[in-house]
Amino acid sequence: MELKIKVKSKEEIQQLLCIIQLGLLQALEKDAITIEEAEGYLFNPFSVEQLEKMNIDDKVVDIIRLGCELEDVQSLLPEKLQTTITELINTSIDNIKSLPKPNLPINKILKN
């Protein structure tokens, strides 16, 4: 089984990434997923590298880069993990509000 998600404009890509980041971070905050799961989905160096090649806004890539460091925070400063996640959530929300919005109507992102 395969699910394809397709977005074309830079604005749509950035918006979708911010929404995915926010969902992953909120799931982490509520212990619904593990840091390892979040790393598998998005918070990994490969994602950072690919998005930098696409010239995605630094604000978007920085959240992913910082998400890559959550495991380090968990092991070295566990008392700061929830605060760090909350800060990333707030920054993600700020990014959603401040980044250029895609033109409406937005095409359906799920493709056959």
PDB file of N, CA and C in Angstrom:
ATOM      1  N   MET A   1       0.843  -1.168   0.000  1.00  0.00           N
ATOM      2  CA  MET A   1       0.000   0.000   0.000  1.00  0.00           C
ATOM      3  C   MET A   1       0.893   1.237   0.000  1.00  0.00           C
ATOM      4  N   GLU A   2       0.459   2.241  -0.699  1.00  0.00           N
ATOM      5  CA  GLU A   2       1.252   3.465  -0.818  1.00  0.00           C
ATOM      6  C   GLU A   2       0.326   4.673  -0.791  1.00  0.00           C
ATOM      7  N   LEU A   3       0.757   5.724  -0.131  1.00  0.00           N
ATOM      8  CA  LEU A   3       0.034   6.986  -0.102  1.00  0.00           C
ATOM      9  C   LEU A   3       0.945   8.043  -0.695  1.00  0.00           C
ATOM     10  N   LYS A   4       0.446   8.751  -1.689  1.00  0.00           N
ATOM     11  CA  LYS A   4       1.236   9.818  -2.304  1.00  0.00           C
ATOM     12  C   LYS A   4       0.623  11.164  -1.943  1.00  0.00           C
ATOM     13  N   ILE A   5       1.472  12.047  -1.503  1.00  0.00           N
ATOM     14  CA  ILE A   5       1.069  13.418  -1.213  1.00  0.00           C
ATOM     15  C   ILE A   5       1.869  14.305  -2.149  1.00  0.00           C
ATOM     16  N   LYS A   6       1.158  15.178  -2.868  1.00  0.00           N
ATOM     17  CA  LYS A   6       1.845  15.999  -3.861  1.00  0.00           C
ATOM     18  C   LYS A   6       1.433  17.461  -3.703  1.00  0.00           C
ATOM     19  N   VAL A   7       2.432  18.297  -3.498  1.00  0.00           N
ATOM     20  CA  VAL A   7       2.230  19.740  -3.489  1.00  0.00           C
ATOM     21  C   VAL A   7       3.296  20.350  -4.383  1.00  0.00           C
ATOM     22  N   LYS A   8       2.931  21.422  -5.071  1.00  0.00           N
ATOM     23  CA  LYS A   8       3.844  21.959  -6.077  1.00  0.00           C
ATOM     24  C   LYS A   8       4.477  23.288  -5.696  1.00  0.00           C
ATOM     25  N   SER A   9       3.704  24.194  -5.157  1.00  0.00           N
ATOM     26  CA  SER A   9       4.275  25.519  -4.915  1.00  0.00           C
ATOM     27  C   SER A   9       5.074  25.528  -3.616  1.00  0.00           C
ATOM     28  N   LYS A  10       6.049  26.398  -3.573  1.00  0.00           N
ATOM     29  CA  LYS A  10       6.889  26.531  -2.382  1.00  0.00           C
ATOM     30  C   LYS A  10       6.039  26.890  -1.165  1.00  0.00           C
ATOM     31  N   GLU A  11       5.064  27.764  -1.363  1.00  0.00           N
ATOM     32  CA  GLU A  11       4.208  28.175  -0.254  1.00  0.00           C
ATOM     33  C   GLU A  11       3.420  26.990   0.302  1.00  0.00           C
ATOM     34  N   GLU A  12       2.890  26.144  -0.598  1.00  0.00           N
ATOM     35  CA  GLU A  12       2.147  24.965  -0.146  1.00  0.00           C
ATOM     36  C   GLU A  12       3.058  23.984   0.591  1.00  0.00           C
ATOM     37  N   ILE A  13       4.257  23.779   0.059  1.00  0.00           N
ATOM     38  CA  ILE A  13       5.212  22.866   0.693  1.00  0.00           C
ATOM     39  C   ILE A  13       5.536  23.351   2.101  1.00  0.00           C
ATOM     40  N   GLN A  14       5.838  24.628   2.230  1.00  0.00           N
ATOM     41  CA  GLN A  14       6.194  25.186   3.539  1.00  0.00           C
ATOM     42  C   GLN A  14       5.026  25.094   4.514  1.00  0.00           C
ATOM     43  N   GLN A  15       3.825  25.407   4.026  1.00  0.00           N
ATOM     44  CA  GLN A  15       2.642  25.355   4.886  1.00  0.00           C
ATOM     45  C   GLN A  15       2.389  23.923   5.368  1.00  0.00           C
ATOM     46  N   LEU A  16       2.460  22.965   4.449  1.00  0.00           N
ATOM     47  CA  LEU A  16       2.227  21.568   4.812  1.00  0.00           C
ATOM     48  C   LEU A  16       3.293  21.074   5.790  1.00  0.00           C
ATOM     49  N   LEU A  17       4.542  21.431   5.550  1.00  0.00           N
ATOM     50  CA  LEU A  17       5.614  21.040   6.471  1.00  0.00           C
ATOM     51  C   LEU A  17       5.378  21.602   7.870  1.00  0.00           C
ATOM     52  N   CYS A  18       4.960  22.855   7.946  1.00  0.00           N
ATOM     53  CA  CYS A  18       4.690  23.460   9.256  1.00  0.00           C
ATOM     54  C   CYS A  18       3.551  22.739   9.970  1.00  0.00           C
ATOM     55  N   ILE A  19       2.529  22.364   9.228  1.00  0.00           N
ATOM     56  CA  ILE A  19       1.395  21.656   9.823  1.00  0.00           C
ATOM     57  C   ILE A  19       1.830  20.272  10.304  1.00  0.00           C
ATOM     58  N   ILE A  20       2.644  19.587   9.511  1.00  0.00           N
ATOM     59  CA  ILE A  20       3.159  18.274   9.920  1.00  0.00           C
ATOM     60  C   ILE A  20       4.053  18.416  11.150  1.00  0.00           C
ATOM     61  N   GLN A  21       4.920  19.420  11.146  1.00  0.00           N
ATOM     62  CA  GLN A  21       5.782  19.663  12.310  1.00  0.00           C
ATOM     63  C   GLN A  21       4.940  19.856  13.561  1.00  0.00           C
ATOM     64  N   LEU A  22       3.929  20.692  13.441  1.00  0.00           N
ATOM     65  CA  LEU A  22       3.073  20.993  14.585  1.00  0.00           C
ATOM     66  C   LEU A  22       2.394  19.727  15.101  1.00  0.00           C
ATOM     67  N   GLY A  23       1.891  18.912  14.198  1.00  0.00           N
ATOM     68  CA  GLY A  23       1.247  17.667  14.608  1.00  0.00           C
ATOM     69  C   GLY A  23       2.203  16.715  15.302  1.00  0.00           C
ATOM     70  N   LEU A  24       3.397  16.567  14.746  1.00  0.00           N
ATOM     71  CA  LEU A  24       4.392  15.696  15.373  1.00  0.00           C
ATOM     72  C   LEU A  24       4.767  16.201  16.763  1.00  0.00           C
ATOM     73  N   LEU A  25       4.975  17.499  16.868  1.00  0.00           N
ATOM     74  CA  LEU A  25       5.379  18.074  18.154  1.00  0.00           C
ATOM     75  C   LEU A  25       4.270  17.956  19.196  1.00  0.00           C
ATOM     76  N   GLN A  26       3.029  18.179  18.785  1.00  0.00           N
ATOM     77  CA  GLN A  26       1.931  18.035  19.741  1.00  0.00           C
ATOM     78  C   GLN A  26       1.759  16.576  20.158  1.00  0.00           C
ATOM     79  N   ALA A  27       1.959  15.659  19.224  1.00  0.00           N
ATOM     80  CA  ALA A  27       1.900  14.233  19.568  1.00  0.00           C
ATOM     81  C   ALA A  27       3.020  13.869  20.545  1.00  0.00           C
ATOM     82  N   LEU A  28       4.201  14.436  20.337  1.00  0.00           N
ATOM     83  CA  LEU A  28       5.306  14.223  21.284  1.00  0.00           C
ATOM     84  C   LEU A  28       4.962  14.786  22.660  1.00  0.00           C
ATOM     85  N   GLU A  29       4.412  15.976  22.665  1.00  0.00           N
ATOM     86  CA  GLU A  29       4.067  16.640  23.925  1.00  0.00           C
ATOM     87  C   GLU A  29       3.091  15.794  24.750  1.00  0.00           C
ATOM     88  N   LYS A  30       2.193  15.110  24.069  1.00  0.00           N
ATOM     89  CA  LYS A  30       1.170  14.300  24.745  1.00  0.00           C
ATOM     90  C   LYS A  30       1.582  12.835  24.885  1.00  0.00           C
ATOM     91  N   ASP A  31       2.839  12.527  24.560  1.00  0.00           N
ATOM     92  CA  ASP A  31       3.354  11.154  24.629  1.00  0.00           C
ATOM     93  C   ASP A  31       2.568  10.182  23.755  1.00  0.00           C
ATOM     94  N   ALA A  32       2.028  10.686  22.650  1.00  0.00           N
ATOM     95  CA  ALA A  32       1.299   9.827  21.712  1.00  0.00           C
ATOM     96  C   ALA A  32       2.249   9.127  20.744  1.00  0.00           C
ATOM     97  N   ILE A  33       3.416   9.733  20.512  1.00  0.00           N
ATOM     98  CA  ILE A  33       4.466   9.121  19.701  1.00  0.00           C
ATOM     99  C   ILE A  33       5.793   9.306  20.430  1.00  0.00           C
ATOM    100  N   THR A  34       6.784   8.552  19.990  1.00  0.00           N
ATOM    101  CA  THR A  34       8.127   8.677  20.566  1.00  0.00           C
ATOM    102  C   THR A  34       8.968   9.624  19.719  1.00  0.00           C
ATOM    103  N   ILE A  35      10.061  10.057  20.283  1.00  0.00           N
ATOM    104  CA  ILE A  35      11.004  10.881  19.528  1.00  0.00           C
ATOM    105  C   ILE A  35      11.508  10.102  18.319  1.00  0.00           C
ATOM    106  N   GLU A  36      11.741   8.820  18.486  1.00  0.00           N
ATOM    107  CA  GLU A  36      12.223   7.992  17.373  1.00  0.00           C
ATOM    108  C   GLU A  36      11.217   7.977  16.224  1.00  0.00           C
ATOM    109  N   GLU A  37       9.934   7.933  16.541  1.00  0.00           N
ATOM    110  CA  GLU A  37       8.913   7.978  15.493  1.00  0.00           C
ATOM    111  C   GLU A  37       8.940   9.325  14.769  1.00  0.00           C
ATOM    112  N   ALA A  38       9.043  10.404  15.537  1.00  0.00           N
ATOM    113  CA  ALA A  38       9.100  11.736  14.930  1.00  0.00           C
ATOM    114  C   ALA A  38      10.330  11.873  14.037  1.00  0.00           C
ATOM    115  N   GLU A  39      11.439  11.279  14.477  1.00  0.00           N
ATOM    116  CA  GLU A  39      12.656  11.299  13.654  1.00  0.00           C
ATOM    117  C   GLU A  39      12.449  10.500  12.375  1.00  0.00           C
ATOM    118  N   GLY A  40      11.749   9.398  12.477  1.00  0.00           N
ATOM    119  CA  GLY A  40      11.495   8.591  11.293  1.00  0.00           C
ATOM    120  C   GLY A  40      10.641   9.320  10.269  1.00  0.00           C
ATOM    121  N   TYR A  41       9.668  10.086  10.743  1.00  0.00           N
ATOM    122  CA  TYR A  41       8.788  10.808   9.830  1.00  0.00           C
ATOM    123  C   TYR A  41       9.435  12.052   9.237  1.00  0.00           C
ATOM    124  N   LEU A  42      10.064  12.870  10.048  1.00  0.00           N
ATOM    125  CA  LEU A  42      10.512  14.169   9.541  1.00  0.00           C
ATOM    126  C   LEU A  42      11.769  14.714  10.203  1.00  0.00           C
ATOM    127  N   PHE A  43      11.917  14.532  11.491  1.00  0.00           N
ATOM    128  CA  PHE A  43      12.999  15.176  12.230  1.00  0.00           C
ATOM    129  C   PHE A  43      14.299  14.389  12.084  1.00  0.00           C
ATOM    130  N   ASN A  44      14.892  14.463  10.899  1.00  0.00           N
ATOM    131  CA  ASN A  44      16.131  13.732  10.622  1.00  0.00           C
ATOM    132  C   ASN A  44      16.999  14.534   9.662  1.00  0.00           C
ATOM    133  N   PRO A  45      18.307  14.286   9.659  1.00  0.00           N
ATOM    134  CA  PRO A  45      19.229  15.045   8.805  1.00  0.00           C
ATOM    135  C   PRO A  45      18.913  14.935   7.314  1.00  0.00           C
ATOM    136  N   PHE A  46      18.388  13.799   6.863  1.00  0.00           N
ATOM    137  CA  PHE A  46      18.034  13.655   5.452  1.00  0.00           C
ATOM    138  C   PHE A  46      16.974  14.685   5.059  1.00  0.00           C
ATOM    139  N   SER A  47      15.962  14.859   5.903  1.00  0.00           N
ATOM    140  CA  SER A  47      14.920  15.853   5.620  1.00  0.00           C
ATOM    141  C   SER A  47      15.517  17.248   5.539  1.00  0.00           C
ATOM    142  N   VAL A  48      16.384  17.573   6.485  1.00  0.00           N
ATOM    143  CA  VAL A  48      17.030  18.887   6.484  1.00  0.00           C
ATOM    144  C   VAL A  48      17.784  19.099   5.176  1.00  0.00           C
ATOM    145  N   GLU A  49      18.566  18.117   4.786  1.00  0.00           N
ATOM    146  CA  GLU A  49      19.365  18.220   3.561  1.00  0.00           C
ATOM    147  C   GLU A  49      18.484  18.407   2.325  1.00  0.00           C
ATOM    148  N   GLN A  50      17.437  17.613   2.214  1.00  0.00           N
ATOM    149  CA  GLN A  50      16.562  17.696   1.045  1.00  0.00           C
ATOM    150  C   GLN A  50      15.831  19.039   0.985  1.00  0.00           C
ATOM    151  N   LEU A  51      15.358  19.513   2.112  1.00  0.00           N
ATOM    152  CA  LEU A  51      14.620  20.772   2.138  1.00  0.00           C
ATOM    153  C   LEU A  51      15.530  21.968   1.896  1.00  0.00           C
ATOM    154  N   GLU A  52      16.762  21.896   2.353  1.00  0.00           N
ATOM    155  CA  GLU A  52      17.720  22.962   2.045  1.00  0.00           C
ATOM    156  C   GLU A  52      17.987  23.021   0.546  1.00  0.00           C
ATOM    157  N   LYS A  53      18.084  21.859  -0.106  1.00  0.00           N
ATOM    158  CA  LYS A  53      18.275  21.826  -1.561  1.00  0.00           C
ATOM    159  C   LYS A  53      17.094  22.460  -2.286  1.00  0.00           C
ATOM    160  N   MET A  54      15.904  22.348  -1.700  1.00  0.00           N
ATOM    161  CA  MET A  54      14.695  22.913  -2.299  1.00  0.00           C
ATOM    162  C   MET A  54      14.534  24.395  -1.965  1.00  0.00           C
ATOM    163  N   ASN A  55      15.472  24.935  -1.191  1.00  0.00           N
ATOM    164  CA  ASN A  55      15.435  26.341  -0.791  1.00  0.00           C
ATOM    165  C   ASN A  55      14.191  26.678   0.045  1.00  0.00           C
ATOM    166  N   ILE A  56      13.810  25.736   0.905  1.00  0.00           N
ATOM    167  CA  ILE A  56      12.689  25.968   1.819  1.00  0.00           C
ATOM    168  C   ILE A  56      13.140  26.967   2.886  1.00  0.00           C
ATOM    169  N   ASP A  57      12.228  27.821   3.292  1.00  0.00           N
ATOM    170  CA  ASP A  57      12.520  28.875   4.264  1.00  0.00           C
ATOM    171  C   ASP A  57      13.256  28.309   5.488  1.00  0.00           C
ATOM    172  N   ASP A  58      14.280  29.035   5.905  1.00  0.00           N
ATOM    173  CA  ASP A  58      15.098  28.606   7.048  1.00  0.00           C
ATOM    174  C   ASP A  58      14.271  28.383   8.309  1.00  0.00           C
ATOM    175  N   LYS A  59      13.204  29.171   8.480  1.00  0.00           N
ATOM    176  CA  LYS A  59      12.369  29.014   9.676  1.00  0.00           C
ATOM    177  C   LYS A  59      11.744  27.625   9.729  1.00  0.00           C
ATOM    178  N   VAL A  60      11.384  27.105   8.573  1.00  0.00           N
ATOM    179  CA  VAL A  60      10.771  25.777   8.495  1.00  0.00           C
ATOM    180  C   VAL A  60      11.828  24.705   8.742  1.00  0.00           C
ATOM    181  N   VAL A  61      12.965  24.852   8.090  1.00  0.00           N
ATOM    182  CA  VAL A  61      14.040  23.862   8.213  1.00  0.00           C
ATOM    183  C   VAL A  61      14.614  23.868   9.632  1.00  0.00           C
ATOM    184  N   ASP A  62      14.673  25.031  10.255  1.00  0.00           N
ATOM    185  CA  ASP A  62      15.227  25.111  11.613  1.00  0.00           C
ATOM    186  C   ASP A  62      14.420  24.286  12.616  1.00  0.00           C
ATOM    187  N   ILE A  63      13.101  24.251  12.468  1.00  0.00           N
ATOM    188  CA  ILE A  63      12.282  23.430  13.365  1.00  0.00           C
ATOM    189  C   ILE A  63      12.658  21.962  13.201  1.00  0.00           C
ATOM    190  N   ILE A  64      12.866  21.543  11.967  1.00  0.00           N
ATOM    191  CA  ILE A  64      13.252  20.149  11.711  1.00  0.00           C
ATOM    192  C   ILE A  64      14.634  19.880  12.290  1.00  0.00           C
ATOM    193  N   ARG A  65      15.542  20.816  12.078  1.00  0.00           N
ATOM    194  CA  ARG A  65      16.904  20.668  12.612  1.00  0.00           C
ATOM    195  C   ARG A  65      16.863  20.545  14.142  1.00  0.00           C
ATOM    196  N   LEU A  66      16.073  21.384  14.776  1.00  0.00           N
ATOM    197  CA  LEU A  66      15.951  21.318  16.238  1.00  0.00           C
ATOM    198  C   LEU A  66      15.225  20.046  16.675  1.00  0.00           C
ATOM    199  N   GLY A  67      14.299  19.583  15.856  1.00  0.00           N
ATOM    200  CA  GLY A  67      13.636  18.312  16.143  1.00  0.00           C
ATOM    201  C   GLY A  67      14.611  17.151  16.131  1.00  0.00           C
ATOM    202  N   CYS A  68      15.645  17.262  15.305  1.00  0.00           N
ATOM    203  CA  CYS A  68      16.693  16.230  15.261  1.00  0.00           C
ATOM    204  C   CYS A  68      17.449  16.146  16.582  1.00  0.00           C
ATOM    205  N   GLU A  69      17.422  17.211  17.358  1.00  0.00           N
ATOM    206  CA  GLU A  69      18.182  17.276  18.604  1.00  0.00           C
ATOM    207  C   GLU A  69      17.372  16.865  19.833  1.00  0.00           C
ATOM    208  N   LEU A  70      16.102  16.532  19.644  1.00  0.00           N
ATOM    209  CA  LEU A  70      15.257  16.214  20.798  1.00  0.00           C
ATOM    210  C   LEU A  70      15.742  14.989  21.563  1.00  0.00           C
ATOM    211  N   GLU A  71      16.273  14.016  20.853  1.00  0.00           N
ATOM    212  CA  GLU A  71      16.787  12.826  21.530  1.00  0.00           C
ATOM    213  C   GLU A  71      17.966  13.187  22.439  1.00  0.00           C
ATOM    214  N   ASP A  72      18.805  14.125  21.975  1.00  0.00           N
ATOM    215  CA  ASP A  72      19.918  14.594  22.811  1.00  0.00           C
ATOM    216  C   ASP A  72      19.397  15.308  24.058  1.00  0.00           C
ATOM    217  N   VAL A  73      18.391  16.155  23.869  1.00  0.00           N
ATOM    218  CA  VAL A  73      17.800  16.849  25.019  1.00  0.00           C
ATOM    219  C   VAL A  73      17.234  15.822  25.998  1.00  0.00           C
ATOM    220  N   GLN A  74      16.545  14.824  25.463  1.00  0.00           N
ATOM    221  CA  GLN A  74      15.949  13.787  26.309  1.00  0.00           C
ATOM    222  C   GLN A  74      16.998  13.053  27.147  1.00  0.00           C
ATOM    223  N   SER A  75      18.138  12.758  26.538  1.00  0.00           N
ATOM    224  CA  SER A  75      19.146  11.984  27.270  1.00  0.00           C
ATOM    225  C   SER A  75      20.041  12.850  28.154  1.00  0.00           C
ATOM    226  N   LEU A  76      20.317  14.082  27.735  1.00  0.00           N
ATOM    227  CA  LEU A  76      21.249  14.925  28.485  1.00  0.00           C
ATOM    228  C   LEU A  76      20.567  15.871  29.472  1.00  0.00           C
ATOM    229  N   LEU A  77      19.415  16.394  29.078  1.00  0.00           N
ATOM    230  CA  LEU A  77      18.691  17.356  29.920  1.00  0.00           C
ATOM    231  C   LEU A  77      17.202  17.002  29.944  1.00  0.00           C
ATOM    232  N   PRO A  78      16.851  15.850  30.470  1.00  0.00           N
ATOM    233  CA  PRO A  78      15.458  15.402  30.392  1.00  0.00           C
ATOM    234  C   PRO A  78      14.455  16.383  31.002  1.00  0.00           C
ATOM    235  N   GLU A  79      14.892  17.158  31.974  1.00  0.00           N
ATOM    236  CA  GLU A  79      13.993  18.131  32.598  1.00  0.00           C
ATOM    237  C   GLU A  79      13.632  19.274  31.651  1.00  0.00           C
ATOM    238  N   LYS A  80      14.376  19.433  30.571  1.00  0.00           N
ATOM    239  CA  LYS A  80      14.123  20.510  29.604  1.00  0.00           C
ATOM    240  C   LYS A  80      13.347  20.033  28.380  1.00  0.00           C
ATOM    241  N   LEU A  81      13.062  18.744  28.291  1.00  0.00           N
ATOM    242  CA  LEU A  81      12.432  18.204  27.084  1.00  0.00           C
ATOM    243  C   LEU A  81      11.059  18.821  26.824  1.00  0.00           C
ATOM    244  N   GLN A  82      10.185  18.837  27.821  1.00  0.00           N
ATOM    245  CA  GLN A  82       8.838  19.377  27.599  1.00  0.00           C
ATOM    246  C   GLN A  82       8.880  20.863  27.247  1.00  0.00           C
ATOM    247  N   THR A  83       9.745  21.609  27.900  1.00  0.00           N
ATOM    248  CA  THR A  83       9.886  23.034  27.588  1.00  0.00           C
ATOM    249  C   THR A  83      10.371  23.224  26.160  1.00  0.00           C
ATOM    250  N   THR A  84      11.320  22.417  25.744  1.00  0.00           N
ATOM    251  CA  THR A  84      11.853  22.506  24.383  1.00  0.00           C
ATOM    252  C   THR A  84      10.765  22.187  23.366  1.00  0.00           C
ATOM    253  N   ILE A  85       9.992  21.145  23.618  1.00  0.00           N
ATOM    254  CA  ILE A  85       8.901  20.786  22.705  1.00  0.00           C
ATOM    255  C   ILE A  85       7.874  21.912  22.640  1.00  0.00           C
ATOM    256  N   THR A  86       7.517  22.478  23.784  1.00  0.00           N
ATOM    257  CA  THR A  86       6.553  23.584  23.821  1.00  0.00           C
ATOM    258  C   THR A  86       7.063  24.785  23.033  1.00  0.00           C
ATOM    259  N   GLU A  87       8.340  25.099  23.179  1.00  0.00           N
ATOM    260  CA  GLU A  87       8.927  26.206  22.416  1.00  0.00           C
ATOM    261  C   GLU A  87       8.864  25.934  20.918  1.00  0.00           C
ATOM    262  N   LEU A  88       9.134  24.701  20.514  1.00  0.00           N
ATOM    263  CA  LEU A  88       9.063  24.353  19.096  1.00  0.00           C
ATOM    264  C   LEU A  88       7.623  24.422  18.586  1.00  0.00           C
ATOM    265  N   ILE A  89       6.666  24.018  19.407  1.00  0.00           N
ATOM    266  CA  ILE A  89       5.252  24.136  19.028  1.00  0.00           C
ATOM    267  C   ILE A  89       4.903  25.599  18.790  1.00  0.00           C
ATOM    268  N   ASN A  90       5.279  26.462  19.715  1.00  0.00           N
ATOM    269  CA  ASN A  90       4.973  27.890  19.582  1.00  0.00           C
ATOM    270  C   ASN A  90       5.639  28.495  18.357  1.00  0.00           C
ATOM    271  N   THR A  91       6.869  28.101  18.090  1.00  0.00           N
ATOM    272  CA  THR A  91       7.563  28.601  16.905  1.00  0.00           C
ATOM    273  C   THR A  91       6.887  28.088  15.640  1.00  0.00           C
ATOM    274  N   SER A  92       6.442  26.844  15.643  1.00  0.00           N
ATOM    275  CA  SER A  92       5.738  26.290  14.480  1.00  0.00           C
ATOM    276  C   SER A  92       4.453  27.065  14.203  1.00  0.00           C
ATOM    277  N   ILE A  93       3.716  27.373  15.258  1.00  0.00           N
ATOM    278  CA  ILE A  93       2.484  28.162  15.095  1.00  0.00           C
ATOM    279  C   ILE A  93       2.813  29.545  14.551  1.00  0.00           C
ATOM    280  N   ASP A  94       3.843  30.177  15.083  1.00  0.00           N
ATOM    281  CA  ASP A  94       4.268  31.489  14.572  1.00  0.00           C
ATOM    282  C   ASP A  94       4.635  31.404  13.098  1.00  0.00           C
ATOM    283  N   ASN A  95       5.320  30.326  12.712  1.00  0.00           N
ATOM    284  CA  ASN A  95       5.694  30.154  11.308  1.00  0.00           C
ATOM    285  C   ASN A  95       4.462  30.007  10.426  1.00  0.00           C
ATOM    286  N   ILE A  96       3.491  29.231  10.870  1.00  0.00           N
ATOM    287  CA  ILE A  96       2.259  29.069  10.086  1.00  0.00           C
ATOM    288  C   ILE A  96       1.597  30.422   9.877  1.00  0.00           C
ATOM    289  N   LYS A  97       1.601  31.245  10.900  1.00  0.00           N
ATOM    290  CA  LYS A  97       0.975  32.568  10.805  1.00  0.00           C
ATOM    291  C   LYS A  97       1.764  33.535   9.930  1.00  0.00           C
ATOM    292  N   SER A  98       3.093  33.412   9.922  1.00  0.00           N
ATOM    293  CA  SER A  98       3.920  34.438   9.280  1.00  0.00           C
ATOM    294  C   SER A  98       4.399  34.104   7.870  1.00  0.00           C
ATOM    295  N   LEU A  99       4.485  32.833   7.535  1.00  0.00           N
ATOM    296  CA  LEU A  99       4.983  32.482   6.202  1.00  0.00           C
ATOM    297  C   LEU A  99       3.939  32.805   5.145  1.00  0.00           C
ATOM    298  N   PRO A 100       4.383  33.080   3.908  1.00  0.00           N
ATOM    299  CA  PRO A 100       3.421  33.361   2.839  1.00  0.00           C
ATOM    300  C   PRO A 100       2.430  32.210   2.674  1.00  0.00           C
ATOM    301  N   LYS A 101       1.171  32.563   2.508  1.00  0.00           N
ATOM    302  CA  LYS A 101       0.116  31.563   2.349  1.00  0.00           C
ATOM    303  C   LYS A 101       0.017  31.139   0.886  1.00  0.00           C
ATOM    304  N   PRO A 102      -0.317  29.865   0.661  1.00  0.00           N
ATOM    305  CA  PRO A 102      -0.532  29.421  -0.716  1.00  0.00           C
ATOM    306  C   PRO A 102      -1.794  30.064  -1.277  1.00  0.00           C
ATOM    307  N   ASN A 103      -1.820  30.191  -2.602  1.00  0.00           N
ATOM    308  CA  ASN A 103      -3.003  30.730  -3.261  1.00  0.00           C
ATOM    309  C   ASN A 103      -4.156  29.748  -3.134  1.00  0.00           C
ATOM    310  N   LEU A 104      -5.328  30.279  -2.907  1.00  0.00           N
ATOM    311  CA  LEU A 104      -6.525  29.444  -2.833  1.00  0.00           C
ATOM    312  C   LEU A 104      -7.197  29.400  -4.196  1.00  0.00           C
ATOM    313  N   PRO A 105      -7.879  28.365  -4.579  1.00  0.00           N
ATOM    314  CA  PRO A 105      -8.036  27.144  -3.815  1.00  0.00           C
ATOM    315  C   PRO A 105      -6.771  26.299  -3.893  1.00  0.00           C
ATOM    316  N   ILE A 106      -6.489  25.612  -2.814  1.00  0.00           N
ATOM    317  CA  ILE A 106      -5.347  24.702  -2.782  1.00  0.00           C
ATOM    318  C   ILE A 106      -5.803  23.379  -3.377  1.00  0.00           C
ATOM    319  N   ASN A 107      -5.001  22.833  -4.285  1.00  0.00           N
ATOM    320  CA  ASN A 107      -5.334  21.540  -4.878  1.00  0.00           C
ATOM    321  C   ASN A 107      -5.321  20.460  -3.813  1.00  0.00           C
ATOM    322  N   LYS A 108      -6.085  19.430  -4.050  1.00  0.00           N
ATOM    323  CA  LYS A 108      -6.072  18.279  -3.139  1.00  0.00           C
ATOM    324  C   LYS A 108      -4.662  17.711  -3.114  1.00  0.00           C
ATOM    325  N   ILE A 109      -4.169  17.382  -1.934  1.00  0.00           N
ATOM    326  CA  ILE A 109      -2.788  16.905  -1.830  1.00  0.00           C
ATOM    327  C   ILE A 109      -2.672  15.401  -1.990  1.00  0.00           C
ATOM    328  N   LEU A 110      -3.763  14.667  -1.775  1.00  0.00           N
ATOM    329  CA  LEU A 110      -3.714  13.217  -1.950  1.00  0.00           C
ATOM    330  C   LEU A 110      -3.926  12.886  -3.416  1.00  0.00           C
ATOM    331  N   LYS A 111      -3.058  12.062  -3.946  1.00  0.00           N
ATOM    332  CA  LYS A 111      -3.095  11.696  -5.368  1.00  0.00           C
ATOM    333  C   LYS A 111      -3.172  10.191  -5.517  1.00  0.00           C
ATOM    334  N   ASN A 112      -3.756   9.769  -6.621  1.00  0.00           N
ATOM    335  CA  ASN A 112      -3.794   8.327  -6.953  1.00  0.00           C
ATOM    336  C   ASN A 112      -2.424   7.863  -7.353  1.00  0.00           C
TER     337      ASN A 112
END
